[in-house]
């Protein structure tokens, strides 16, 4: 009966340890697979936000525009695209010069103010042209379409769309 003593042989004592390691590795692998799978599902199922101009096209579609209204709407979009691009291209060198001046040990405050005023003037000119084109378009709409447009502008849920409406109606 010496084999039945309370002493466990070393080979019997370590029998569970390798199994526990494998179980832990299997659980870890399973959790990692589900985590990575969840991330991939979220990435693939999430839709990228539409560019502002595409949002405006959808807005036009939702208003059921007739041919004359569509022409006015297209003119408004052209102004937004072309004048917006011009304002950005004109302002970017000015903004770069402002930051270059600010980075100097002794920036010229007058130059920074002058360049900032030019940027503001360019933005206001764009805003005025965009607002004029928008109101020219809005005048072609029926009262029901105008009410729908105003409701859509007020309830814009995403920041880019709100900013676009704020350009034309500050």
Protein backbone atom coordinates (compact mmCIF):
# COMPACT_ATOMS: atom_id res chain seq x y z
CA UNK A 1 0.00 0.00 0.00
CA UNK A 2 2.90 2.28 -0.27
CA UNK A 3 1.66 3.39 -3.70
CA UNK A 4 -1.52 4.79 -2.17
CA UNK A 5 0.17 7.22 0.11
CA UNK A 6 -0.87 10.87 0.07
CA UNK A 7 2.18 11.81 -1.96
CA UNK A 8 1.51 12.50 -5.64
CA UNK A 9 4.20 11.70 -8.10
CA UNK A 10 5.63 14.67 -10.09
CA UNK A 11 4.23 13.41 -13.41
CA UNK A 12 0.71 13.33 -11.97
CA UNK A 13 0.98 16.79 -10.37
CA UNK A 14 1.81 18.62 -13.62
CA UNK A 15 -0.88 16.93 -15.73
CA UNK A 16 -3.35 19.82 -15.43
CA UNK A 17 -0.87 22.64 -15.95
CA UNK A 18 -0.32 22.07 -19.71
CA UNK A 19 -4.07 21.66 -20.18
CA UNK A 20 -4.76 24.95 -18.40
CA UNK A 21 -2.22 26.72 -20.60
CA UNK A 22 -3.90 25.32 -23.74
CA UNK A 23 -7.35 26.23 -22.45
CA UNK A 24 -6.17 29.79 -21.68
CA UNK A 25 -4.59 30.09 -25.14
CA UNK A 26 -7.77 28.79 -26.80
CA UNK A 27 -9.92 31.26 -24.87
CA UNK A 28 -7.55 34.11 -25.70
CA UNK A 29 -7.55 33.19 -29.38
CA UNK A 30 -11.35 32.97 -29.41
CA UNK A 31 -11.74 36.36 -27.76
CA UNK A 32 -9.22 37.94 -30.14
CA UNK A 33 -10.97 36.46 -33.18
CA UNK A 34 -14.33 37.82 -32.01
CA UNK A 35 -12.79 41.23 -31.21
CA UNK A 36 -11.07 41.55 -34.59
CA UNK A 37 -14.19 40.24 -36.33
CA UNK A 38 -16.29 42.85 -34.55
CA UNK A 39 -13.91 45.62 -35.57
CA UNK A 40 -13.96 44.48 -39.19
CA UNK A 41 -17.76 44.24 -39.18
CA UNK A 42 -18.03 47.78 -37.79
CA UNK A 43 -15.57 49.11 -40.36
CA UNK A 44 -17.23 47.36 -43.29
CA UNK A 45 -20.78 48.15 -42.24
CA UNK A 46 -20.11 51.82 -41.48
CA UNK A 47 -20.85 54.10 -44.40
CA UNK A 48 -18.48 56.93 -45.07
CA UNK A 49 -20.13 60.34 -44.88
CA UNK A 50 -21.00 61.86 -48.22
CA UNK A 51 -19.04 64.89 -49.38
CA UNK A 52 -20.95 68.17 -48.89
CA UNK A 53 -21.61 68.63 -52.61
CA UNK A 54 -23.11 65.13 -52.82
CA UNK A 55 -25.32 65.95 -49.84
CA UNK A 56 -26.54 69.00 -51.71
CA UNK A 57 -27.32 66.89 -54.79
CA UNK A 58 -29.42 64.59 -52.61
CA UNK A 59 -31.12 67.63 -51.12
CA UNK A 60 -32.06 68.75 -54.64
CA UNK A 61 -33.41 65.29 -55.43
CA UNK A 62 -35.56 65.29 -52.31
CA UNK A 63 -37.18 68.58 -53.39
CA UNK A 64 -38.46 67.08 -56.69
CA UNK A 65 -37.22 70.00 -58.76
CA UNK A 66 -38.63 70.83 -62.18
CA UNK A 67 -36.32 71.73 -65.07
CA UNK A 68 -36.10 75.48 -64.32
CA UNK A 69 -35.52 74.80 -60.63
CA UNK A 70 -32.86 72.22 -61.50
CA UNK A 71 -31.01 74.84 -63.59
CA UNK A 72 -31.09 77.34 -60.72
CA UNK A 73 -29.97 74.63 -58.31
CA UNK A 74 -27.10 73.60 -60.59
CA UNK A 75 -26.04 77.25 -60.84
CA UNK A 76 -26.04 77.49 -57.05
CA UNK A 77 -23.89 74.34 -56.80
CA UNK A 78 -21.50 75.71 -59.43
CA UNK A 79 -21.03 78.89 -57.39
CA UNK A 80 -20.42 76.85 -54.24
CA UNK A 81 -17.87 74.61 -55.96
CA UNK A 82 -16.01 77.19 -58.02
CA UNK A 83 -16.07 80.14 -55.63
CA UNK A 84 -15.39 77.85 -52.68
CA UNK A 85 -12.34 76.41 -54.45
CA UNK A 86 -11.18 79.91 -55.42
CA UNK A 87 -11.57 81.16 -51.85
CA UNK A 88 -9.59 78.20 -50.47
CA UNK A 89 -6.85 78.55 -53.08
CA UNK A 90 -6.63 82.30 -52.48
CA UNK A 91 -6.67 82.04 -48.70
CA UNK A 92 -4.28 79.12 -48.23
CA UNK A 93 -1.11 81.09 -49.14
CA UNK A 94 -2.29 83.92 -46.87
CA UNK A 95 -2.90 81.50 -44.01
CA UNK A 96 0.51 79.91 -44.60
CA UNK A 97 2.11 83.37 -44.44
CA UNK A 98 0.25 84.11 -41.18
CA UNK A 99 1.58 80.93 -39.57
CA UNK A 100 5.09 81.57 -40.89
CA UNK A 101 4.96 85.04 -39.34
CA UNK A 102 3.54 83.74 -36.05
CA UNK A 103 6.40 81.21 -35.87
CA UNK A 104 9.03 83.96 -35.95
CA UNK A 105 10.65 85.10 -32.70
CA UNK A 106 9.26 88.62 -33.24
CA UNK A 107 6.16 88.37 -35.46
CA UNK A 108 4.93 91.48 -37.21
CA UNK A 109 1.48 92.02 -35.67
CA UNK A 110 0.48 94.48 -38.38
CA UNK A 111 1.30 91.99 -41.14
CA UNK A 112 -0.61 89.21 -39.35
CA UNK A 113 -3.62 91.54 -38.98
CA UNK A 114 -3.43 92.62 -42.62
CA UNK A 115 -3.23 89.03 -43.87
CA UNK A 116 -6.05 87.98 -41.54
CA UNK A 117 -8.21 90.81 -42.88
CA UNK A 118 -7.56 89.61 -46.45
CA UNK A 119 -8.62 86.08 -45.50
CA UNK A 120 -11.79 87.44 -43.91
CA UNK A 121 -12.57 89.62 -46.94
CA UNK A 122 -12.16 86.61 -49.26
CA UNK A 123 -14.40 84.45 -47.07
CA UNK A 124 -17.08 87.15 -46.92
CA UNK A 125 -16.99 87.59 -50.71
CA UNK A 126 -17.50 83.85 -51.13
CA UNK A 127 -20.29 83.85 -48.56
CA UNK A 128 -22.05 86.75 -50.31
CA UNK A 129 -21.87 85.08 -53.73
CA UNK A 130 -23.03 81.76 -52.30
CA UNK A 131 -25.94 83.42 -50.49
CA UNK A 132 -26.98 85.29 -53.64
CA UNK A 133 -26.92 82.09 -55.70
CA UNK A 134 -28.82 80.24 -52.97
CA UNK A 135 -31.56 82.85 -52.74
CA UNK A 136 -31.83 82.99 -56.54
CA UNK A 137 -32.43 79.24 -56.43
CA UNK A 138 -34.83 79.48 -53.47
CA UNK A 139 -36.96 82.03 -55.36
CA UNK A 140 -37.71 79.36 -57.99
CA UNK A 141 -39.19 76.99 -55.40
CA UNK A 142 -42.84 76.61 -54.53
CA UNK A 143 -43.87 77.58 -50.99
CA UNK A 144 -44.01 73.88 -50.04
CA UNK A 145 -40.51 73.25 -51.41
CA UNK A 146 -39.16 76.32 -49.59
CA UNK A 147 -40.70 75.13 -46.34
CA UNK A 148 -39.16 71.69 -46.84
CA UNK A 149 -35.76 73.23 -47.65
CA UNK A 150 -35.89 75.44 -44.55
CA UNK A 151 -36.83 72.48 -42.37
CA UNK A 152 -33.95 70.44 -43.80
CA UNK A 153 -31.51 73.29 -43.21
CA UNK A 154 -32.63 73.76 -39.61
CA UNK A 155 -32.54 70.05 -38.81
CA UNK A 156 -29.24 69.18 -40.52
CA UNK A 157 -27.83 66.50 -38.26
CA UNK A 158 -24.21 66.45 -39.43
CA UNK A 159 -21.64 69.21 -39.05
CA UNK A 160 -20.58 69.53 -42.74
CA UNK A 161 -24.17 70.05 -43.88
CA UNK A 162 -24.83 72.59 -41.11
CA UNK A 163 -21.68 74.51 -42.10
CA UNK A 164 -22.73 74.50 -45.74
CA UNK A 165 -26.12 75.98 -44.88
CA UNK A 166 -24.40 78.51 -42.60
CA UNK A 167 -22.33 79.68 -45.57
CA UNK A 168 -25.46 80.69 -47.42
CA UNK A 169 -27.56 81.78 -44.43
CA UNK A 170 -25.25 82.84 -41.61
